[in-house]
Each structure stands twice: as C-alpha cells, then as structure tokens.
N, C-alpha and C. Protein backbone atom coordinates (compact mmCIF):
# COMPACT_ATOMS: atom_id res chain seq x y z
N MET A 1 42.49 146.26 106.92
CA MET A 1 43.42 145.50 106.15
C MET A 1 43.19 145.77 104.67
N GLY A 2 44.23 146.09 103.95
CA GLY A 2 44.10 146.43 102.54
C GLY A 2 44.02 145.19 101.67
N ALA A 3 43.53 145.39 100.47
CA ALA A 3 43.43 144.30 99.52
C ALA A 3 44.82 143.96 98.99
N THR A 4 45.07 142.68 98.78
CA THR A 4 46.35 142.27 98.23
C THR A 4 46.16 141.75 96.82
N VAL A 5 47.15 141.95 96.01
CA VAL A 5 47.13 141.46 94.65
C VAL A 5 47.34 139.95 94.68
N ARG A 6 46.61 139.26 93.84
CA ARG A 6 46.73 137.80 93.82
C ARG A 6 48.16 137.41 93.45
N GLY A 7 48.74 136.52 94.20
CA GLY A 7 50.11 136.08 93.96
C GLY A 7 51.14 136.87 94.75
N GLU A 8 50.72 137.96 95.39
CA GLU A 8 51.65 138.77 96.15
C GLU A 8 52.08 138.07 97.44
N ARG A 9 51.15 137.42 98.09
CA ARG A 9 51.44 136.76 99.36
C ARG A 9 52.45 135.61 99.20
N PRO A 10 52.33 134.73 98.20
CA PRO A 10 53.36 133.69 98.04
C PRO A 10 54.75 134.26 97.76
N ARG A 11 54.82 135.35 96.99
CA ARG A 11 56.12 135.96 96.73
C ARG A 11 56.70 136.54 98.01
N LEU A 12 55.87 137.15 98.81
CA LEU A 12 56.32 137.72 100.07
C LEU A 12 56.80 136.62 101.02
N ARG A 13 56.06 135.53 101.06
CA ARG A 13 56.43 134.40 101.90
C ARG A 13 57.78 133.83 101.44
N GLU A 14 57.97 133.72 100.14
CA GLU A 14 59.23 133.21 99.61
C GLU A 14 60.38 134.17 99.89
N ALA A 15 60.09 135.47 99.87
CA ALA A 15 61.12 136.47 100.16
C ALA A 15 61.64 136.33 101.59
N TYR A 16 60.79 135.87 102.50
CA TYR A 16 61.24 135.69 103.87
C TYR A 16 61.81 134.30 104.13
N ARG A 17 61.61 133.37 103.23
CA ARG A 17 62.22 132.04 103.36
C ARG A 17 63.64 132.02 102.79
N LYS A 18 63.88 132.82 101.80
CA LYS A 18 65.18 132.80 101.13
C LYS A 18 66.34 133.11 102.08
N PRO A 19 66.22 134.11 102.97
CA PRO A 19 67.35 134.34 103.88
C PRO A 19 67.67 133.13 104.75
N TRP A 20 66.66 132.37 105.14
CA TRP A 20 66.91 131.21 105.99
C TRP A 20 67.62 130.10 105.24
N LYS A 21 67.29 129.94 103.96
CA LYS A 21 67.99 128.94 103.15
C LYS A 21 69.46 129.33 102.98
N LEU A 22 69.68 130.61 102.68
CA LEU A 22 71.05 131.07 102.53
C LEU A 22 71.81 131.04 103.86
N THR A 23 71.10 131.30 104.95
CA THR A 23 71.71 131.24 106.28
C THR A 23 72.20 129.84 106.59
N LEU A 24 71.37 128.85 106.32
CA LEU A 24 71.77 127.47 106.58
C LEU A 24 72.96 127.06 105.72
N ALA A 25 72.96 127.47 104.45
CA ALA A 25 74.07 127.14 103.56
C ALA A 25 75.36 127.83 104.02
N GLY A 26 75.27 129.12 104.31
CA GLY A 26 76.45 129.85 104.76
C GLY A 26 76.94 129.40 106.12
N GLY A 27 76.01 129.17 107.05
CA GLY A 27 76.38 128.67 108.37
C GLY A 27 77.01 127.29 108.30
N GLY A 28 76.49 126.45 107.41
CA GLY A 28 77.07 125.12 107.21
C GLY A 28 78.49 125.19 106.66
N ALA A 29 78.70 126.08 105.70
CA ALA A 29 80.04 126.26 105.13
C ALA A 29 81.00 126.78 106.20
N PHE A 30 80.54 127.71 107.01
CA PHE A 30 81.34 128.27 108.10
C PHE A 30 81.72 127.16 109.08
N TRP A 31 80.75 126.32 109.44
CA TRP A 31 80.99 125.26 110.41
C TRP A 31 81.94 124.20 109.87
N VAL A 32 81.75 123.77 108.63
CA VAL A 32 82.62 122.76 108.03
C VAL A 32 84.05 123.28 107.93
N THR A 33 84.19 124.54 107.56
CA THR A 33 85.52 125.14 107.49
C THR A 33 86.15 125.22 108.88
N THR A 34 85.35 125.50 109.89
CA THR A 34 85.86 125.53 111.26
C THR A 34 86.35 124.16 111.68
N VAL A 35 85.59 123.13 111.39
CA VAL A 35 86.01 121.77 111.74
C VAL A 35 87.32 121.43 111.03
N ALA A 36 87.42 121.80 109.75
CA ALA A 36 88.65 121.50 108.99
C ALA A 36 89.85 122.29 109.53
N THR A 37 89.65 123.57 109.81
CA THR A 37 90.79 124.38 110.29
C THR A 37 91.14 124.08 111.74
N SER A 38 90.20 123.57 112.51
CA SER A 38 90.50 123.27 113.91
C SER A 38 91.43 122.06 114.04
N LEU A 39 91.55 121.30 112.98
CA LEU A 39 92.44 120.14 113.00
C LEU A 39 93.87 120.49 112.60
N THR A 40 94.10 121.73 112.16
CA THR A 40 95.43 122.17 111.75
C THR A 40 96.21 122.69 112.96
N PRO A 41 97.53 122.86 112.81
CA PRO A 41 98.31 123.45 113.91
C PRO A 41 97.86 124.87 114.27
N PHE A 42 97.40 125.65 113.27
CA PHE A 42 96.91 126.99 113.57
C PHE A 42 95.68 126.93 114.47
N GLY A 43 94.79 125.98 114.20
CA GLY A 43 93.60 125.83 115.03
C GLY A 43 93.94 125.44 116.45
N ALA A 44 94.89 124.54 116.58
CA ALA A 44 95.32 124.13 117.93
C ALA A 44 95.98 125.30 118.66
N GLU A 45 96.76 126.08 117.95
CA GLU A 45 97.41 127.24 118.56
C GLU A 45 96.37 128.28 118.98
N PHE A 46 95.36 128.48 118.15
CA PHE A 46 94.30 129.43 118.48
C PHE A 46 93.54 129.00 119.73
N ARG A 47 93.23 127.69 119.81
CA ARG A 47 92.54 127.19 121.01
C ARG A 47 93.42 127.34 122.25
N ALA A 48 94.73 127.15 122.08
CA ALA A 48 95.64 127.28 123.22
C ALA A 48 95.75 128.74 123.66
N VAL A 49 95.85 129.65 122.70
CA VAL A 49 95.98 131.07 123.03
C VAL A 49 94.71 131.59 123.69
N SER A 50 93.56 131.16 123.17
CA SER A 50 92.29 131.67 123.71
C SER A 50 91.75 130.81 124.86
N SER A 51 92.46 129.74 125.20
CA SER A 51 92.05 128.83 126.29
C SER A 51 90.62 128.34 126.10
N THR A 52 90.35 127.80 124.92
CA THR A 52 89.02 127.35 124.58
C THR A 52 89.04 125.85 124.30
N ALA A 53 88.06 125.13 124.82
CA ALA A 53 87.95 123.69 124.58
C ALA A 53 87.46 123.43 123.16
N TYR A 54 87.79 122.26 122.63
CA TYR A 54 87.42 121.91 121.26
C TYR A 54 85.90 121.90 121.07
N ALA A 55 85.17 121.35 122.02
CA ALA A 55 83.70 121.29 121.91
C ALA A 55 83.09 122.68 121.87
N VAL A 56 83.65 123.59 122.64
CA VAL A 56 83.14 124.97 122.65
C VAL A 56 83.38 125.63 121.30
N VAL A 57 84.52 125.35 120.70
CA VAL A 57 84.83 125.91 119.38
C VAL A 57 83.84 125.40 118.34
N ILE A 58 83.54 124.11 118.37
CA ILE A 58 82.65 123.52 117.38
C ILE A 58 81.22 124.04 117.54
N VAL A 59 80.71 124.05 118.75
CA VAL A 59 79.34 124.54 118.99
C VAL A 59 79.27 126.04 118.74
N GLY A 60 80.26 126.77 119.20
CA GLY A 60 80.29 128.21 118.98
C GLY A 60 80.38 128.56 117.51
N ALA A 61 81.12 127.76 116.75
CA ALA A 61 81.23 128.01 115.31
C ALA A 61 79.90 127.79 114.60
N LEU A 62 79.14 126.82 115.05
CA LEU A 62 77.83 126.59 114.45
C LEU A 62 76.91 127.78 114.70
N LEU A 63 76.87 128.25 115.93
CA LEU A 63 76.03 129.40 116.27
C LEU A 63 76.51 130.67 115.59
N ALA A 64 77.82 130.90 115.61
CA ALA A 64 78.37 132.09 114.96
C ALA A 64 78.15 132.05 113.45
N GLY A 65 78.32 130.88 112.85
CA GLY A 65 78.10 130.75 111.41
C GLY A 65 76.67 131.05 111.02
N LEU A 66 75.73 130.57 111.82
CA LEU A 66 74.33 130.87 111.54
C LEU A 66 74.01 132.35 111.72
N LEU A 67 74.58 132.95 112.73
CA LEU A 67 74.34 134.37 112.98
C LEU A 67 74.94 135.24 111.87
N VAL A 68 76.18 134.99 111.53
CA VAL A 68 76.83 135.76 110.46
C VAL A 68 76.17 135.44 109.12
N GLY A 69 75.82 134.18 108.90
CA GLY A 69 75.15 133.80 107.66
C GLY A 69 73.82 134.50 107.49
N TYR A 70 73.08 134.66 108.59
CA TYR A 70 71.81 135.37 108.50
C TYR A 70 72.03 136.85 108.19
N TYR A 71 73.00 137.45 108.84
CA TYR A 71 73.30 138.86 108.58
C TYR A 71 73.67 139.07 107.11
N VAL A 72 74.58 138.25 106.60
CA VAL A 72 75.03 138.39 105.21
C VAL A 72 73.87 138.13 104.26
N SER A 73 73.08 137.11 104.51
CA SER A 73 71.94 136.78 103.64
C SER A 73 70.90 137.88 103.65
N TYR A 74 70.56 138.36 104.81
CA TYR A 74 69.55 139.41 104.93
C TYR A 74 70.00 140.68 104.21
N CYS A 75 71.23 141.10 104.46
CA CYS A 75 71.73 142.31 103.81
C CYS A 75 71.86 142.13 102.30
N LEU A 76 72.25 140.94 101.88
CA LEU A 76 72.37 140.68 100.45
C LEU A 76 71.01 140.72 99.77
N LEU A 77 70.00 140.18 100.41
CA LEU A 77 68.68 140.14 99.80
C LEU A 77 67.96 141.49 99.83
N PHE A 78 68.02 142.17 100.94
CA PHE A 78 67.21 143.37 101.10
C PHE A 78 67.96 144.68 100.82
N TYR A 79 69.28 144.62 100.74
CA TYR A 79 70.07 145.81 100.42
C TYR A 79 71.04 145.53 99.28
N PHE A 80 70.61 144.73 98.33
CA PHE A 80 71.47 144.28 97.24
C PHE A 80 72.08 145.45 96.47
N ASP A 81 71.28 146.46 96.15
CA ASP A 81 71.76 147.57 95.34
C ASP A 81 72.70 148.50 96.11
N ARG A 82 72.70 148.46 97.40
CA ARG A 82 73.53 149.36 98.20
C ARG A 82 74.94 148.82 98.44
N VAL A 83 75.15 147.54 98.18
CA VAL A 83 76.48 146.95 98.36
C VAL A 83 77.24 147.12 97.05
N PRO A 84 78.49 147.63 97.12
CA PRO A 84 79.25 147.84 95.88
C PRO A 84 79.51 146.54 95.13
N THR A 85 79.79 146.62 93.87
CA THR A 85 80.01 145.56 92.87
C THR A 85 78.68 145.04 92.37
N LYS A 86 78.74 144.27 91.30
CA LYS A 86 77.52 143.74 90.67
C LYS A 86 77.37 142.24 90.89
N ASN A 87 78.45 141.55 91.16
CA ASN A 87 78.43 140.11 91.33
C ASN A 87 77.96 139.74 92.74
N PRO A 88 76.96 138.85 92.88
CA PRO A 88 76.47 138.49 94.21
C PRO A 88 77.53 137.82 95.10
N ILE A 89 78.46 137.10 94.49
CA ILE A 89 79.51 136.47 95.30
C ILE A 89 80.41 137.55 95.91
N LEU A 90 80.78 138.53 95.09
CA LEU A 90 81.62 139.61 95.62
C LEU A 90 80.87 140.44 96.65
N LYS A 91 79.57 140.65 96.43
CA LYS A 91 78.76 141.39 97.40
C LYS A 91 78.73 140.66 98.74
N SER A 92 78.50 139.37 98.70
CA SER A 92 78.45 138.62 99.96
C SER A 92 79.82 138.54 100.61
N LEU A 93 80.89 138.53 99.82
CA LEU A 93 82.23 138.57 100.40
C LEU A 93 82.50 139.91 101.08
N VAL A 94 82.04 140.99 100.47
CA VAL A 94 82.18 142.32 101.09
C VAL A 94 81.47 142.33 102.44
N LEU A 95 80.24 141.82 102.47
CA LEU A 95 79.47 141.79 103.72
C LEU A 95 80.13 140.87 104.75
N SER A 96 80.59 139.72 104.30
CA SER A 96 81.20 138.76 105.20
C SER A 96 82.49 139.31 105.81
N PHE A 97 83.32 139.93 105.00
CA PHE A 97 84.57 140.47 105.52
C PHE A 97 84.36 141.74 106.35
N THR A 98 83.25 142.43 106.12
CA THR A 98 82.91 143.55 107.00
C THR A 98 82.64 143.03 108.41
N VAL A 99 81.90 141.94 108.49
CA VAL A 99 81.64 141.32 109.79
C VAL A 99 82.95 140.83 110.41
N LEU A 100 83.81 140.24 109.61
CA LEU A 100 85.10 139.76 110.11
C LEU A 100 85.92 140.90 110.71
N ILE A 101 85.96 142.02 110.04
CA ILE A 101 86.73 143.16 110.54
C ILE A 101 86.16 143.65 111.87
N ILE A 102 84.85 143.72 111.95
CA ILE A 102 84.21 144.15 113.20
C ILE A 102 84.52 143.18 114.33
N ILE A 103 84.38 141.89 114.06
CA ILE A 103 84.62 140.88 115.08
C ILE A 103 86.09 140.86 115.51
N GLN A 104 87.00 140.94 114.55
CA GLN A 104 88.43 140.93 114.87
C GLN A 104 88.80 142.14 115.71
N THR A 105 88.24 143.29 115.38
CA THR A 105 88.55 144.50 116.14
C THR A 105 88.06 144.37 117.58
N LEU A 106 86.82 143.94 117.74
CA LEU A 106 86.27 143.79 119.10
C LEU A 106 87.01 142.71 119.89
N ALA A 107 87.30 141.58 119.26
CA ALA A 107 87.99 140.50 119.96
C ALA A 107 89.39 140.90 120.38
N THR A 108 90.08 141.64 119.53
CA THR A 108 91.43 142.07 119.87
C THR A 108 91.42 143.09 121.00
N LEU A 109 90.44 143.98 120.98
CA LEU A 109 90.34 144.97 122.06
C LEU A 109 89.99 144.33 123.40
N LEU A 110 89.19 143.27 123.36
CA LEU A 110 88.75 142.63 124.60
C LEU A 110 89.72 141.56 125.11
N HIS A 111 90.69 141.17 124.27
CA HIS A 111 91.62 140.10 124.66
C HIS A 111 92.70 140.65 125.57
N HIS A 112 92.97 139.93 126.64
CA HIS A 112 94.04 140.30 127.57
C HIS A 112 95.23 139.40 127.29
N GLY A 113 96.37 139.95 127.28
CA GLY A 113 97.57 139.15 127.03
C GLY A 113 98.28 139.66 125.79
N ASN A 114 98.91 138.75 125.06
CA ASN A 114 99.67 139.11 123.87
C ASN A 114 98.71 139.37 122.72
N THR A 115 98.37 140.61 122.51
CA THR A 115 97.35 141.00 121.55
C THR A 115 97.79 140.75 120.12
N VAL A 116 99.06 140.97 119.79
CA VAL A 116 99.53 140.80 118.42
C VAL A 116 99.45 139.33 118.02
N ASP A 117 99.92 138.44 118.87
CA ASP A 117 99.83 137.01 118.55
C ASP A 117 98.38 136.56 118.40
N TYR A 118 97.53 137.01 119.30
CA TYR A 118 96.11 136.66 119.23
C TYR A 118 95.49 137.16 117.93
N PHE A 119 95.80 138.39 117.54
CA PHE A 119 95.25 138.97 116.32
C PHE A 119 95.69 138.19 115.09
N VAL A 120 96.97 137.87 115.00
CA VAL A 120 97.49 137.15 113.83
C VAL A 120 96.90 135.75 113.75
N ILE A 121 96.91 135.04 114.86
CA ILE A 121 96.40 133.66 114.85
C ILE A 121 94.90 133.63 114.59
N SER A 122 94.14 134.52 115.21
CA SER A 122 92.70 134.52 114.98
C SER A 122 92.35 134.96 113.57
N THR A 123 93.13 135.85 112.98
CA THR A 123 92.88 136.26 111.60
C THR A 123 93.15 135.10 110.65
N VAL A 124 94.26 134.40 110.84
CA VAL A 124 94.58 133.26 109.98
C VAL A 124 93.51 132.17 110.11
N THR A 125 92.98 132.01 111.30
CA THR A 125 91.94 131.00 111.52
C THR A 125 90.59 131.44 110.99
N ASN A 126 90.26 132.72 111.09
CA ASN A 126 88.93 133.20 110.71
C ASN A 126 88.75 133.52 109.23
N VAL A 127 89.79 133.89 108.54
CA VAL A 127 89.64 134.28 107.12
C VAL A 127 89.04 133.14 106.28
N PRO A 128 89.50 131.89 106.40
CA PRO A 128 88.87 130.83 105.60
C PRO A 128 87.39 130.62 105.94
N ARG A 129 87.02 130.79 107.19
CA ARG A 129 85.62 130.63 107.59
C ARG A 129 84.73 131.66 106.91
N PHE A 130 85.12 132.90 107.00
CA PHE A 130 84.31 133.97 106.43
C PHE A 130 84.36 133.95 104.91
N LEU A 131 85.48 133.51 104.35
CA LEU A 131 85.59 133.37 102.90
C LEU A 131 84.62 132.31 102.39
N SER A 132 84.59 131.16 103.04
CA SER A 132 83.68 130.09 102.60
C SER A 132 82.23 130.50 102.77
N LEU A 133 81.90 131.17 103.87
CA LEU A 133 80.54 131.64 104.08
C LEU A 133 80.13 132.61 102.98
N GLY A 134 80.98 133.57 102.68
CA GLY A 134 80.67 134.55 101.65
C GLY A 134 80.51 133.93 100.27
N ILE A 135 81.37 132.99 99.95
CA ILE A 135 81.28 132.34 98.63
C ILE A 135 80.01 131.52 98.53
N PHE A 136 79.68 130.74 99.54
CA PHE A 136 78.47 129.92 99.49
C PHE A 136 77.21 130.76 99.41
N VAL A 137 77.10 131.79 100.23
CA VAL A 137 75.89 132.63 100.21
C VAL A 137 75.77 133.34 98.86
N GLY A 138 76.87 133.88 98.35
CA GLY A 138 76.84 134.57 97.07
C GLY A 138 76.53 133.65 95.92
N TYR A 139 77.10 132.46 95.93
CA TYR A 139 76.86 131.50 94.85
C TYR A 139 75.41 131.03 94.85
N LEU A 140 74.87 130.77 96.02
CA LEU A 140 73.51 130.25 96.11
C LEU A 140 72.44 131.36 96.05
N TYR A 141 72.86 132.61 96.02
CA TYR A 141 71.92 133.73 95.96
C TYR A 141 70.96 133.60 94.78
N ASN A 142 71.48 133.31 93.61
CA ASN A 142 70.62 133.19 92.42
C ASN A 142 70.03 131.80 92.28
N ARG A 143 70.52 130.82 92.99
CA ARG A 143 70.04 129.44 92.88
C ARG A 143 68.72 129.22 93.63
N PHE A 144 68.50 129.93 94.73
CA PHE A 144 67.29 129.73 95.52
C PHE A 144 66.22 130.67 95.08
C-alpha cells in the first residue's frame, strides 16, 4: 500500500459522496415532476396507452429517477471536460436528454401497438421529467 498525502483521503471520500447527493436531488426532481404530470390528462393517457397502474408509475418513477440521476451525476462529475458546453446546467441537460433519447428509442421499438401515439405521448410525458432532473443536477453541481 502506497503512502497517501495528508488530506487526500477526505477529498477522495467527498468525491464519492457528491454523486449520491446529486442523485438524490435529481431523482427527487424527477419523481416530483412525475407525480405532477401524472395528474394531467397526458399522464392519464400515457397510463392508458401503456396499461400501467398509477402505483407502478409512481414507484417506477422513483427508481428510474434515481438511476438516471446517478448516471447524469456520475458523468457530470467524472467526465465534466468531455461533455460539450461550459455551463454545468447545460452539461447535465445534455446528459439527461441523451438518456431520454436512448430510453425513448428502446421503448418505442419494444412497444406493440400504435407506436406513433405511444412515442408522442411518452415524449410529452418524459421531457419535463428529464428537464427537471437535468436542471436540478446541474444547478446543484457547484453547490455541493
């Protein structure tokens, strides 16, 4: 085991705590936005098209928000210079919408039935979620 510089270990420990703080903030924003949008007619239509119960949407949104929030936080912290733009909010939005595009593509390919309606409704429902997650993670990037 090599010698460590004094003060290096606390910085390293903090570097691994920061993604979890940002994950919780982004996942929380994703979940709150899901609860708000699920009460709209678009949310009801999305649940009807996908044949999903309300409780499944709420629990699934919490898990998905935490998963996407961790991905965005981790990439923002450890690959900050590789993401285009200089503003952390824009960087996290780029990462968040990259995940949205991947998820929308996979969900549309796997969906059976009227694919165009499903794509439009799920996009309208998902854009606010990923937007809020990206804004919260990017805003809190310099705060933590």
